Amino acid sequence: MSVRNAILGLLAQQPRHGYEIHGAFEALVGGSSVCDLKRAQVYSTLSRLEDSGLVAQTVTRRVGGPDQHIFELTPAGRDELDDWYAEGVHAAHQRDEIFLKIALALGDENAHPEDVLRAQRATLYRDLHELTARRNGIERPRGLSQAMLLDKAIMHVEADLRWLEMVEARLHEMALNPVPKLPERPRGRPRRRKT
């Protein structure tokens, strides 16, 4: 998740100070259990955005309290946010730890790929139960954005469960076709050509 662009998006709604940005982000995603954004990360990101000319800061003097640093989007920040909205988001499924575990277990005589699959399936069912309970506990319509985020997570878990079924059905075939080995390359420095 792009914290940088999330902050730009929150500032597009209205100017805010760092504490408000943190609170608005947590309200949007459903709390720190969904996405734990630290306040220090908000302030360091705001500093970098300001250095890049994407946000501007004004200081409001408060009687009896510390000054408030209010941030707002600059025209360059608006352009950056519009560019982000216009881009698609690539799926990050190519680097998958469970795939790596299964592939390695197939080539390890002390490991049991069936046990790896069983443990992963149990973990996914626990995750599915927890996500479903959280989604069902959301007050509607106020928490609609949080429910949509949880629906997406639930669908990903369900897809992972279907993928595990497919892997289990092909486990024997995978074991018969081990991971290809790279051809050996000569080591050391290349020999000099005689002139």
N, C-alpha and C. Protein backbone atom coordinates (compact mmCIF):
# COMPACT_ATOMS: atom_id res chain seq x y z
N MET A 1 0.85 -1.18 0.00
CA MET A 1 0.00 0.00 0.00
C MET A 1 0.89 1.24 0.00
N SER A 2 0.57 2.20 -0.82
CA SER A 2 1.35 3.42 -0.93
C SER A 2 0.88 4.44 0.10
N VAL A 3 1.64 4.57 1.17
CA VAL A 3 1.32 5.55 2.21
C VAL A 3 1.38 6.95 1.63
N ARG A 4 2.38 7.17 0.80
CA ARG A 4 2.56 8.48 0.15
C ARG A 4 1.29 8.91 -0.57
N ASN A 5 0.75 8.02 -1.41
CA ASN A 5 -0.44 8.37 -2.17
C ASN A 5 -1.70 8.41 -1.30
N ALA A 6 -1.73 7.59 -0.27
CA ALA A 6 -2.86 7.64 0.65
C ALA A 6 -2.93 9.01 1.34
N ILE A 7 -1.77 9.52 1.73
CA ILE A 7 -1.73 10.85 2.38
C ILE A 7 -2.15 11.92 1.39
N LEU A 8 -1.66 11.84 0.16
CA LEU A 8 -2.09 12.81 -0.85
C LEU A 8 -3.60 12.76 -1.04
N GLY A 9 -4.16 11.55 -1.07
CA GLY A 9 -5.60 11.40 -1.24
C GLY A 9 -6.40 11.98 -0.08
N LEU A 10 -5.89 11.79 1.13
CA LEU A 10 -6.58 12.35 2.30
C LEU A 10 -6.49 13.88 2.31
N LEU A 11 -5.36 14.42 1.85
CA LEU A 11 -5.22 15.88 1.79
C LEU A 11 -6.04 16.47 0.64
N ALA A 12 -6.35 15.68 -0.39
CA ALA A 12 -7.21 16.16 -1.47
C ALA A 12 -8.62 16.39 -0.95
N GLN A 13 -9.02 15.63 0.08
CA GLN A 13 -10.35 15.79 0.66
C GLN A 13 -10.45 17.10 1.45
N GLN A 14 -9.37 17.40 2.21
CA GLN A 14 -9.33 18.64 3.00
C GLN A 14 -7.94 18.78 3.61
N PRO A 15 -7.50 20.02 3.89
CA PRO A 15 -6.23 20.19 4.59
C PRO A 15 -6.33 19.57 5.99
N ARG A 16 -5.23 18.99 6.45
CA ARG A 16 -5.23 18.31 7.75
C ARG A 16 -3.86 18.43 8.39
N HIS A 17 -3.83 18.24 9.71
CA HIS A 17 -2.54 18.10 10.38
C HIS A 17 -2.24 16.61 10.52
N GLY A 18 -1.00 16.28 10.88
CA GLY A 18 -0.54 14.89 10.88
C GLY A 18 -1.41 13.95 11.70
N TYR A 19 -1.84 14.40 12.86
CA TYR A 19 -2.66 13.54 13.73
C TYR A 19 -3.99 13.23 13.05
N GLU A 20 -4.57 14.24 12.38
CA GLU A 20 -5.83 14.03 11.66
C GLU A 20 -5.65 13.06 10.49
N ILE A 21 -4.51 13.17 9.79
CA ILE A 21 -4.24 12.26 8.68
C ILE A 21 -4.18 10.83 9.19
N HIS A 22 -3.47 10.62 10.29
CA HIS A 22 -3.36 9.28 10.87
C HIS A 22 -4.75 8.73 11.24
N GLY A 23 -5.56 9.55 11.90
CA GLY A 23 -6.90 9.12 12.30
C GLY A 23 -7.80 8.84 11.11
N ALA A 24 -7.72 9.70 10.06
CA ALA A 24 -8.54 9.50 8.87
C ALA A 24 -8.14 8.23 8.14
N PHE A 25 -6.84 7.94 8.09
CA PHE A 25 -6.36 6.72 7.44
C PHE A 25 -6.88 5.49 8.17
N GLU A 26 -6.76 5.48 9.51
CA GLU A 26 -7.24 4.33 10.29
C GLU A 26 -8.75 4.15 10.12
N ALA A 27 -9.50 5.27 10.09
CA ALA A 27 -10.94 5.18 9.90
C ALA A 27 -11.27 4.61 8.52
N LEU A 28 -10.48 4.97 7.52
CA LEU A 28 -10.72 4.51 6.16
C LEU A 28 -10.49 3.01 6.01
N VAL A 29 -9.38 2.50 6.57
CA VAL A 29 -9.04 1.09 6.38
C VAL A 29 -9.61 0.18 7.46
N GLY A 30 -10.09 0.74 8.55
CA GLY A 30 -10.69 -0.08 9.59
C GLY A 30 -9.77 -0.35 10.77
N GLY A 31 -8.79 0.49 10.98
CA GLY A 31 -7.95 0.36 12.16
C GLY A 31 -6.58 -0.22 11.89
N SER A 32 -5.77 -0.21 12.93
CA SER A 32 -4.38 -0.64 12.80
C SER A 32 -4.26 -2.15 12.58
N SER A 33 -5.31 -2.91 12.91
CA SER A 33 -5.23 -4.36 12.68
C SER A 33 -5.27 -4.69 11.18
N VAL A 34 -5.81 -3.78 10.37
CA VAL A 34 -5.85 -3.98 8.92
C VAL A 34 -4.57 -3.47 8.29
N CYS A 35 -4.16 -2.26 8.65
CA CYS A 35 -2.93 -1.67 8.13
C CYS A 35 -2.38 -0.76 9.21
N ASP A 36 -1.29 -1.18 9.80
CA ASP A 36 -0.71 -0.46 10.93
C ASP A 36 0.20 0.66 10.44
N LEU A 37 -0.35 1.84 10.33
CA LEU A 37 0.41 3.01 9.93
C LEU A 37 0.82 3.77 11.19
N LYS A 38 2.12 3.91 11.39
CA LYS A 38 2.64 4.60 12.57
C LYS A 38 2.57 6.11 12.35
N ARG A 39 2.37 6.85 13.43
CA ARG A 39 2.33 8.31 13.33
C ARG A 39 3.65 8.85 12.82
N ALA A 40 4.76 8.25 13.27
CA ALA A 40 6.08 8.71 12.81
C ALA A 40 6.19 8.56 11.29
N GLN A 41 5.59 7.51 10.73
CA GLN A 41 5.63 7.32 9.29
C GLN A 41 4.84 8.40 8.57
N VAL A 42 3.72 8.82 9.18
CA VAL A 42 2.93 9.90 8.59
C VAL A 42 3.78 11.16 8.52
N TYR A 43 4.44 11.52 9.62
CA TYR A 43 5.21 12.76 9.67
C TYR A 43 6.45 12.70 8.77
N SER A 44 7.12 11.56 8.70
CA SER A 44 8.28 11.46 7.82
C SER A 44 7.85 11.53 6.36
N THR A 45 6.71 10.93 6.03
CA THR A 45 6.20 10.99 4.66
C THR A 45 5.78 12.41 4.31
N LEU A 46 5.13 13.09 5.25
CA LEU A 46 4.74 14.49 5.02
C LEU A 46 5.98 15.35 4.74
N SER A 47 7.05 15.10 5.48
CA SER A 47 8.28 15.86 5.28
C SER A 47 8.84 15.64 3.87
N ARG A 48 8.85 14.39 3.42
CA ARG A 48 9.34 14.09 2.08
C ARG A 48 8.41 14.68 1.00
N LEU A 49 7.10 14.63 1.24
CA LEU A 49 6.16 15.22 0.29
C LEU A 49 6.35 16.73 0.20
N GLU A 50 6.61 17.34 1.34
CA GLU A 50 6.85 18.79 1.35
C GLU A 50 8.14 19.13 0.62
N ASP A 51 9.20 18.34 0.87
CA ASP A 51 10.48 18.55 0.17
C ASP A 51 10.33 18.39 -1.35
N SER A 52 9.41 17.53 -1.76
CA SER A 52 9.16 17.30 -3.19
C SER A 52 8.21 18.32 -3.80
N GLY A 53 7.65 19.21 -2.98
CA GLY A 53 6.74 20.22 -3.48
C GLY A 53 5.33 19.72 -3.72
N LEU A 54 4.98 18.56 -3.15
CA LEU A 54 3.65 17.98 -3.38
C LEU A 54 2.63 18.41 -2.33
N VAL A 55 3.11 18.84 -1.17
CA VAL A 55 2.24 19.40 -0.13
C VAL A 55 2.89 20.67 0.39
N ALA A 56 2.07 21.53 0.95
CA ALA A 56 2.56 22.76 1.57
C ALA A 56 2.05 22.80 3.00
N GLN A 57 2.82 23.43 3.86
CA GLN A 57 2.50 23.46 5.28
C GLN A 57 2.26 24.90 5.72
N THR A 58 1.21 25.07 6.52
CA THR A 58 0.98 26.35 7.19
C THR A 58 0.94 26.08 8.68
N VAL A 59 1.35 27.07 9.45
CA VAL A 59 1.37 26.91 10.90
C VAL A 59 0.26 27.76 11.48
N THR A 60 -0.57 27.15 12.30
CA THR A 60 -1.65 27.84 12.98
C THR A 60 -1.27 27.99 14.44
N ARG A 61 -1.24 29.21 14.90
CA ARG A 61 -0.92 29.48 16.31
C ARG A 61 -2.16 29.19 17.15
N ARG A 62 -1.96 28.43 18.21
CA ARG A 62 -3.07 28.11 19.13
C ARG A 62 -2.75 28.66 20.50
N VAL A 63 -3.71 29.30 21.10
CA VAL A 63 -3.54 29.84 22.45
C VAL A 63 -3.62 28.69 23.44
N GLY A 64 -2.62 28.57 24.28
CA GLY A 64 -2.64 27.54 25.31
C GLY A 64 -2.26 26.16 24.82
N GLY A 65 -1.74 26.05 23.63
CA GLY A 65 -1.36 24.73 23.11
C GLY A 65 -0.28 24.88 22.06
N PRO A 66 0.23 23.77 21.62
CA PRO A 66 1.28 23.85 20.61
C PRO A 66 0.73 24.31 19.26
N ASP A 67 1.59 24.86 18.44
CA ASP A 67 1.19 25.26 17.09
C ASP A 67 0.76 24.04 16.31
N GLN A 68 -0.21 24.24 15.43
CA GLN A 68 -0.64 23.16 14.56
C GLN A 68 -0.05 23.36 13.18
N HIS A 69 0.52 22.29 12.63
CA HIS A 69 1.07 22.32 11.28
C HIS A 69 0.05 21.67 10.35
N ILE A 70 -0.60 22.51 9.57
CA ILE A 70 -1.64 22.04 8.66
C ILE A 70 -1.02 21.85 7.27
N PHE A 71 -1.30 20.70 6.66
CA PHE A 71 -0.77 20.40 5.34
C PHE A 71 -1.91 20.42 4.33
N GLU A 72 -1.58 20.91 3.13
CA GLU A 72 -2.55 20.89 2.04
C GLU A 72 -1.85 20.50 0.75
N LEU A 73 -2.63 20.02 -0.18
CA LEU A 73 -2.13 19.56 -1.46
C LEU A 73 -1.73 20.76 -2.32
N THR A 74 -0.60 20.67 -3.01
CA THR A 74 -0.20 21.69 -3.98
C THR A 74 -0.69 21.24 -5.36
N PRO A 75 -0.64 22.12 -6.35
CA PRO A 75 -1.00 21.69 -7.70
C PRO A 75 -0.15 20.51 -8.19
N ALA A 76 1.13 20.49 -7.85
CA ALA A 76 1.98 19.35 -8.23
C ALA A 76 1.53 18.08 -7.51
N GLY A 77 1.09 18.23 -6.27
CA GLY A 77 0.56 17.08 -5.52
C GLY A 77 -0.73 16.57 -6.14
N ARG A 78 -1.56 17.48 -6.62
CA ARG A 78 -2.81 17.09 -7.29
C ARG A 78 -2.49 16.30 -8.56
N ASP A 79 -1.49 16.77 -9.32
CA ASP A 79 -1.09 16.07 -10.54
C ASP A 79 -0.57 14.66 -10.21
N GLU A 80 0.25 14.56 -9.18
CA GLU A 80 0.81 13.27 -8.76
C GLU A 80 -0.33 12.31 -8.36
N LEU A 81 -1.30 12.82 -7.61
CA LEU A 81 -2.43 12.00 -7.19
C LEU A 81 -3.27 11.56 -8.39
N ASP A 82 -3.51 12.48 -9.32
CA ASP A 82 -4.28 12.13 -10.53
C ASP A 82 -3.57 11.05 -11.34
N ASP A 83 -2.24 11.16 -11.44
CA ASP A 83 -1.46 10.13 -12.15
C ASP A 83 -1.61 8.78 -11.46
N TRP A 84 -1.59 8.78 -10.13
CA TRP A 84 -1.73 7.53 -9.36
C TRP A 84 -3.10 6.92 -9.58
N TYR A 85 -4.15 7.77 -9.58
CA TYR A 85 -5.51 7.27 -9.82
C TYR A 85 -5.61 6.63 -11.21
N ALA A 86 -4.88 7.17 -12.18
CA ALA A 86 -4.98 6.71 -13.56
C ALA A 86 -4.21 5.41 -13.81
N GLU A 87 -3.31 5.03 -12.90
CA GLU A 87 -2.52 3.81 -13.08
C GLU A 87 -3.23 2.61 -12.47
N GLY A 88 -3.06 1.46 -13.12
CA GLY A 88 -3.53 0.21 -12.52
C GLY A 88 -2.54 -0.26 -11.46
N VAL A 89 -2.95 -1.18 -10.65
CA VAL A 89 -2.10 -1.74 -9.60
C VAL A 89 -1.76 -3.17 -9.97
N HIS A 90 -0.48 -3.47 -10.06
CA HIS A 90 -0.05 -4.82 -10.42
C HIS A 90 -0.23 -5.77 -9.24
N ALA A 91 -0.70 -6.96 -9.54
CA ALA A 91 -0.83 -7.99 -8.51
C ALA A 91 0.56 -8.44 -8.10
N ALA A 92 0.73 -8.70 -6.82
CA ALA A 92 2.05 -9.09 -6.30
C ALA A 92 2.05 -10.57 -5.94
N HIS A 93 1.53 -11.41 -6.86
CA HIS A 93 1.41 -12.83 -6.55
C HIS A 93 2.59 -13.67 -7.02
N GLN A 94 3.57 -13.06 -7.68
CA GLN A 94 4.70 -13.83 -8.17
C GLN A 94 5.66 -14.22 -7.06
N ARG A 95 5.74 -13.43 -6.02
CA ARG A 95 6.60 -13.75 -4.89
C ARG A 95 5.71 -14.30 -3.79
N ASP A 96 5.58 -15.59 -3.75
CA ASP A 96 4.63 -16.21 -2.86
C ASP A 96 5.35 -17.23 -1.99
N GLU A 97 5.33 -17.02 -0.69
CA GLU A 97 6.06 -17.87 0.23
C GLU A 97 5.53 -19.30 0.25
N ILE A 98 4.22 -19.48 0.17
CA ILE A 98 3.69 -20.85 0.24
C ILE A 98 4.09 -21.64 -1.00
N PHE A 99 4.12 -21.00 -2.17
CA PHE A 99 4.60 -21.68 -3.37
C PHE A 99 6.04 -22.13 -3.16
N LEU A 100 6.86 -21.24 -2.62
CA LEU A 100 8.26 -21.55 -2.37
C LEU A 100 8.40 -22.73 -1.41
N LYS A 101 7.60 -22.73 -0.34
CA LYS A 101 7.64 -23.84 0.62
C LYS A 101 7.31 -25.17 -0.04
N ILE A 102 6.24 -25.18 -0.85
CA ILE A 102 5.82 -26.42 -1.51
C ILE A 102 6.88 -26.90 -2.49
N ALA A 103 7.39 -25.99 -3.31
CA ALA A 103 8.40 -26.36 -4.30
C ALA A 103 9.66 -26.90 -3.63
N LEU A 104 10.07 -26.28 -2.54
CA LEU A 104 11.26 -26.76 -1.83
C LEU A 104 10.99 -28.08 -1.12
N ALA A 105 9.80 -28.24 -0.55
CA ALA A 105 9.47 -29.48 0.15
C ALA A 105 9.44 -30.67 -0.81
N LEU A 106 9.06 -30.42 -2.06
CA LEU A 106 9.05 -31.50 -3.05
C LEU A 106 10.44 -32.07 -3.30
N GLY A 107 11.45 -31.25 -3.18
CA GLY A 107 12.80 -31.71 -3.43
C GLY A 107 13.58 -32.06 -2.17
N ASP A 108 12.91 -32.03 -1.02
CA ASP A 108 13.57 -32.30 0.26
C ASP A 108 13.03 -33.62 0.82
N GLU A 109 13.91 -34.61 0.91
CA GLU A 109 13.44 -35.94 1.35
C GLU A 109 12.98 -35.95 2.81
N ASN A 110 13.35 -34.95 3.60
CA ASN A 110 12.90 -34.89 5.00
C ASN A 110 11.63 -34.08 5.18
N ALA A 111 11.18 -33.43 4.12
CA ALA A 111 9.96 -32.62 4.20
C ALA A 111 8.80 -33.37 3.58
N HIS A 112 7.60 -33.00 3.95
CA HIS A 112 6.39 -33.65 3.43
C HIS A 112 5.48 -32.56 2.86
N PRO A 113 5.40 -32.43 1.54
CA PRO A 113 4.57 -31.39 0.94
C PRO A 113 3.11 -31.46 1.38
N GLU A 114 2.61 -32.67 1.63
CA GLU A 114 1.22 -32.82 2.08
C GLU A 114 1.02 -32.11 3.42
N ASP A 115 2.02 -32.21 4.30
CA ASP A 115 1.94 -31.53 5.60
C ASP A 115 1.98 -30.01 5.43
N VAL A 116 2.80 -29.55 4.47
CA VAL A 116 2.87 -28.11 4.19
C VAL A 116 1.50 -27.62 3.71
N LEU A 117 0.89 -28.38 2.80
CA LEU A 117 -0.44 -28.02 2.30
C LEU A 117 -1.48 -28.02 3.41
N ARG A 118 -1.43 -29.05 4.27
CA ARG A 118 -2.39 -29.16 5.36
C ARG A 118 -2.27 -27.97 6.32
N ALA A 119 -1.04 -27.61 6.67
CA ALA A 119 -0.81 -26.48 7.59
C ALA A 119 -1.29 -25.17 6.96
N GLN A 120 -1.02 -25.00 5.67
CA GLN A 120 -1.44 -23.77 5.00
C GLN A 120 -2.96 -23.69 4.90
N ARG A 121 -3.59 -24.81 4.59
CA ARG A 121 -5.05 -24.83 4.50
C ARG A 121 -5.68 -24.45 5.86
N ALA A 122 -5.14 -25.00 6.94
CA ALA A 122 -5.66 -24.69 8.28
C ALA A 122 -5.49 -23.20 8.59
N THR A 123 -4.34 -22.64 8.21
CA THR A 123 -4.09 -21.22 8.44
C THR A 123 -5.07 -20.37 7.65
N LEU A 124 -5.30 -20.74 6.39
CA LEU A 124 -6.22 -19.97 5.56
C LEU A 124 -7.65 -20.05 6.08
N TYR A 125 -8.07 -21.22 6.56
CA TYR A 125 -9.43 -21.31 7.12
C TYR A 125 -9.57 -20.45 8.38
N ARG A 126 -8.53 -20.40 9.20
CA ARG A 126 -8.57 -19.50 10.38
C ARG A 126 -8.66 -18.05 9.93
N ASP A 127 -7.85 -17.69 8.93
CA ASP A 127 -7.88 -16.32 8.41
C ASP A 127 -9.27 -16.00 7.85
N LEU A 128 -9.84 -16.93 7.10
CA LEU A 128 -11.16 -16.72 6.51
C LEU A 128 -12.22 -16.50 7.58
N HIS A 129 -12.16 -17.32 8.63
CA HIS A 129 -13.12 -17.17 9.74
C HIS A 129 -12.97 -15.80 10.40
N GLU A 130 -11.74 -15.41 10.66
CA GLU A 130 -11.48 -14.12 11.34
C GLU A 130 -11.92 -12.94 10.47
N LEU A 131 -11.59 -12.98 9.18
CA LEU A 131 -11.97 -11.89 8.28
C LEU A 131 -13.49 -11.80 8.12
N THR A 132 -14.15 -12.94 8.02
CA THR A 132 -15.61 -12.96 7.87
C THR A 132 -16.29 -12.41 9.12
N ALA A 133 -15.79 -12.79 10.28
CA ALA A 133 -16.36 -12.29 11.54
C ALA A 133 -16.19 -10.77 11.63
N ARG A 134 -15.02 -10.27 11.23
CA ARG A 134 -14.80 -8.83 11.27
C ARG A 134 -15.72 -8.11 10.29
N ARG A 135 -15.85 -8.66 9.07
CA ARG A 135 -16.72 -8.02 8.08
C ARG A 135 -18.17 -8.01 8.55
N ASN A 136 -18.63 -9.13 9.13
CA ASN A 136 -20.01 -9.20 9.60
C ASN A 136 -20.28 -8.29 10.78
N GLY A 137 -19.24 -7.91 11.50
CA GLY A 137 -19.40 -7.02 12.66
C GLY A 137 -19.36 -5.55 12.32
N ILE A 138 -19.17 -5.22 11.07
CA ILE A 138 -19.08 -3.80 10.67
C ILE A 138 -20.46 -3.20 10.57
N GLU A 139 -20.59 -2.02 11.14
CA GLU A 139 -21.86 -1.29 11.09
C GLU A 139 -22.03 -0.68 9.71
N ARG A 140 -23.15 -0.94 9.07
CA ARG A 140 -23.40 -0.40 7.73
C ARG A 140 -24.40 0.74 7.84
N PRO A 141 -24.41 1.72 7.01
CA PRO A 141 -23.55 1.93 5.86
C PRO A 141 -22.25 2.66 6.21
N ARG A 142 -22.07 3.07 7.47
CA ARG A 142 -20.90 3.85 7.86
C ARG A 142 -19.59 3.14 7.54
N GLY A 143 -19.54 1.85 7.72
CA GLY A 143 -18.31 1.11 7.52
C GLY A 143 -18.21 0.42 6.17
N LEU A 144 -18.91 0.95 5.17
CA LEU A 144 -18.95 0.28 3.87
C LEU A 144 -17.56 0.13 3.25
N SER A 145 -16.70 1.16 3.35
CA SER A 145 -15.37 1.05 2.75
C SER A 145 -14.55 -0.04 3.44
N GLN A 146 -14.69 -0.17 4.75
CA GLN A 146 -13.99 -1.23 5.49
C GLN A 146 -14.52 -2.60 5.08
N ALA A 147 -15.83 -2.71 4.91
CA ALA A 147 -16.43 -3.99 4.51
C ALA A 147 -15.94 -4.39 3.12
N MET A 148 -15.80 -3.41 2.22
CA MET A 148 -15.31 -3.72 0.87
C MET A 148 -13.87 -4.21 0.91
N LEU A 149 -13.05 -3.60 1.76
CA LEU A 149 -11.66 -4.03 1.90
C LEU A 149 -11.59 -5.46 2.45
N LEU A 150 -12.43 -5.76 3.43
CA LEU A 150 -12.47 -7.11 3.99
C LEU A 150 -13.02 -8.11 2.98
N ASP A 151 -14.00 -7.71 2.17
CA ASP A 151 -14.51 -8.60 1.11
C ASP A 151 -13.38 -8.97 0.15
N LYS A 152 -12.54 -8.01 -0.20
CA LYS A 152 -11.42 -8.29 -1.10
C LYS A 152 -10.47 -9.29 -0.45
N ALA A 153 -10.16 -9.09 0.82
CA ALA A 153 -9.26 -10.01 1.53
C ALA A 153 -9.86 -11.41 1.59
N ILE A 154 -11.17 -11.49 1.83
CA ILE A 154 -11.85 -12.79 1.89
C ILE A 154 -11.77 -13.49 0.54
N MET A 155 -11.99 -12.76 -0.53
CA MET A 155 -11.91 -13.37 -1.86
C MET A 155 -10.51 -13.87 -2.18
N HIS A 156 -9.50 -13.14 -1.73
CA HIS A 156 -8.12 -13.60 -1.94
C HIS A 156 -7.86 -14.91 -1.18
N VAL A 157 -8.35 -14.99 0.05
CA VAL A 157 -8.17 -16.22 0.83
C VAL A 157 -8.90 -17.37 0.16
N GLU A 158 -10.12 -17.13 -0.31
CA GLU A 158 -10.87 -18.18 -1.00
C GLU A 158 -10.14 -18.65 -2.26
N ALA A 159 -9.55 -17.72 -3.00
CA ALA A 159 -8.79 -18.09 -4.20
C ALA A 159 -7.56 -18.91 -3.82
N ASP A 160 -6.90 -18.53 -2.72
CA ASP A 160 -5.74 -19.30 -2.26
C ASP A 160 -6.14 -20.72 -1.86
N LEU A 161 -7.30 -20.88 -1.26
CA LEU A 161 -7.79 -22.22 -0.91
C LEU A 161 -8.04 -23.06 -2.17
N ARG A 162 -8.62 -22.46 -3.19
CA ARG A 162 -8.85 -23.18 -4.45
C ARG A 162 -7.51 -23.56 -5.09
N TRP A 163 -6.54 -22.66 -5.01
CA TRP A 163 -5.21 -22.94 -5.58
C TRP A 163 -4.56 -24.12 -4.85
N LEU A 164 -4.73 -24.18 -3.52
CA LEU A 164 -4.17 -25.31 -2.77
C LEU A 164 -4.79 -26.63 -3.22
N GLU A 165 -6.08 -26.62 -3.51
CA GLU A 165 -6.73 -27.84 -4.02
C GLU A 165 -6.11 -28.26 -5.34
N MET A 166 -5.84 -27.30 -6.21
CA MET A 166 -5.24 -27.60 -7.50
C MET A 166 -3.82 -28.17 -7.31
N VAL A 167 -3.05 -27.56 -6.41
CA VAL A 167 -1.69 -28.05 -6.15
C VAL A 167 -1.75 -29.46 -5.60
N GLU A 168 -2.66 -29.71 -4.68
CA GLU A 168 -2.77 -31.04 -4.08
C GLU A 168 -3.10 -32.08 -5.15
N ALA A 169 -3.96 -31.73 -6.10
CA ALA A 169 -4.32 -32.66 -7.17
C ALA A 169 -3.14 -32.93 -8.09
N ARG A 170 -2.20 -32.00 -8.18
CA ARG A 170 -1.05 -32.15 -9.09
C ARG A 170 0.25 -32.48 -8.35
N LEU A 171 0.17 -32.75 -7.07
CA LEU A 171 1.38 -32.96 -6.27
C LEU A 171 2.23 -34.11 -6.81
N HIS A 172 1.59 -35.21 -7.17
CA HIS A 172 2.34 -36.37 -7.69
C HIS A 172 3.05 -35.99 -9.00
N GLU A 173 2.33 -35.30 -9.86
CA GLU A 173 2.90 -34.87 -11.14
C GLU A 173 4.08 -33.91 -10.91
N MET A 174 3.94 -33.02 -9.94
CA MET A 174 5.03 -32.08 -9.63
C MET A 174 6.26 -32.81 -9.10
N ALA A 175 6.04 -33.84 -8.30
CA ALA A 175 7.16 -34.60 -7.74
C ALA A 175 7.93 -35.33 -8.83
N LEU A 176 7.23 -35.75 -9.88
CA LEU A 176 7.89 -36.44 -10.98
C LEU A 176 8.66 -35.49 -11.91
N ASN A 177 8.35 -34.20 -11.82
CA ASN A 177 9.01 -33.19 -12.66
C ASN A 177 9.71 -32.18 -11.76
N PRO A 178 10.88 -32.52 -11.27
CA PRO A 178 11.56 -31.61 -10.35
C PRO A 178 11.92 -30.28 -11.01
N VAL A 179 12.25 -29.34 -10.17
CA VAL A 179 12.62 -28.01 -10.65
C VAL A 179 13.84 -28.14 -11.54
N PRO A 180 13.81 -27.55 -12.73
CA PRO A 180 14.96 -27.68 -13.63
C PRO A 180 16.20 -27.04 -13.04
N LYS A 181 17.33 -27.66 -13.35
CA LYS A 181 18.61 -27.14 -12.87
C LYS A 181 19.20 -26.24 -13.94
N LEU A 182 19.86 -25.21 -13.48
CA LEU A 182 20.54 -24.31 -14.41
C LEU A 182 21.78 -25.00 -14.95
N PRO A 183 22.13 -24.76 -16.19
CA PRO A 183 23.35 -25.36 -16.72
C PRO A 183 24.57 -24.80 -15.98
N GLU A 184 25.54 -25.65 -15.78
CA GLU A 184 26.74 -25.20 -15.09
C GLU A 184 27.54 -24.29 -15.99
N ARG A 185 28.07 -23.25 -15.39
CA ARG A 185 28.92 -22.32 -16.12
C ARG A 185 30.35 -22.48 -15.63
N PRO A 186 31.29 -22.28 -16.51
CA PRO A 186 32.67 -22.40 -16.05
C PRO A 186 32.97 -21.33 -15.00
N ARG A 187 33.76 -21.71 -14.01
CA ARG A 187 34.10 -20.79 -12.94
C ARG A 187 35.42 -20.12 -13.23
N GLY A 188 35.66 -19.05 -12.58
CA GLY A 188 36.92 -18.34 -12.72
C GLY A 188 36.93 -17.38 -13.88
N ARG A 189 38.09 -16.81 -14.11
CA ARG A 189 38.24 -15.83 -15.16
C ARG A 189 38.36 -16.53 -16.52
N PRO A 190 37.86 -15.89 -17.54
CA PRO A 190 38.03 -16.50 -18.86
C PRO A 190 39.50 -16.52 -19.25
N ARG A 191 39.86 -17.52 -20.02
CA ARG A 191 41.25 -17.61 -20.48
C ARG A 191 41.55 -16.52 -21.49
N ARG A 192 42.76 -16.07 -21.41
CA ARG A 192 43.20 -15.05 -22.36
C ARG A 192 43.43 -15.69 -23.72
N ARG A 193 43.07 -14.98 -24.72
CA ARG A 193 43.31 -15.44 -26.07
C ARG A 193 44.75 -15.14 -26.44
N LYS A 194 45.35 -16.06 -27.11
CA LYS A 194 46.73 -15.85 -27.57
C LYS A 194 46.69 -14.94 -28.79
N THR A 195 47.57 -14.00 -28.77
CA THR A 195 47.63 -13.08 -29.92
C THR A 195 48.79 -13.36 -30.80
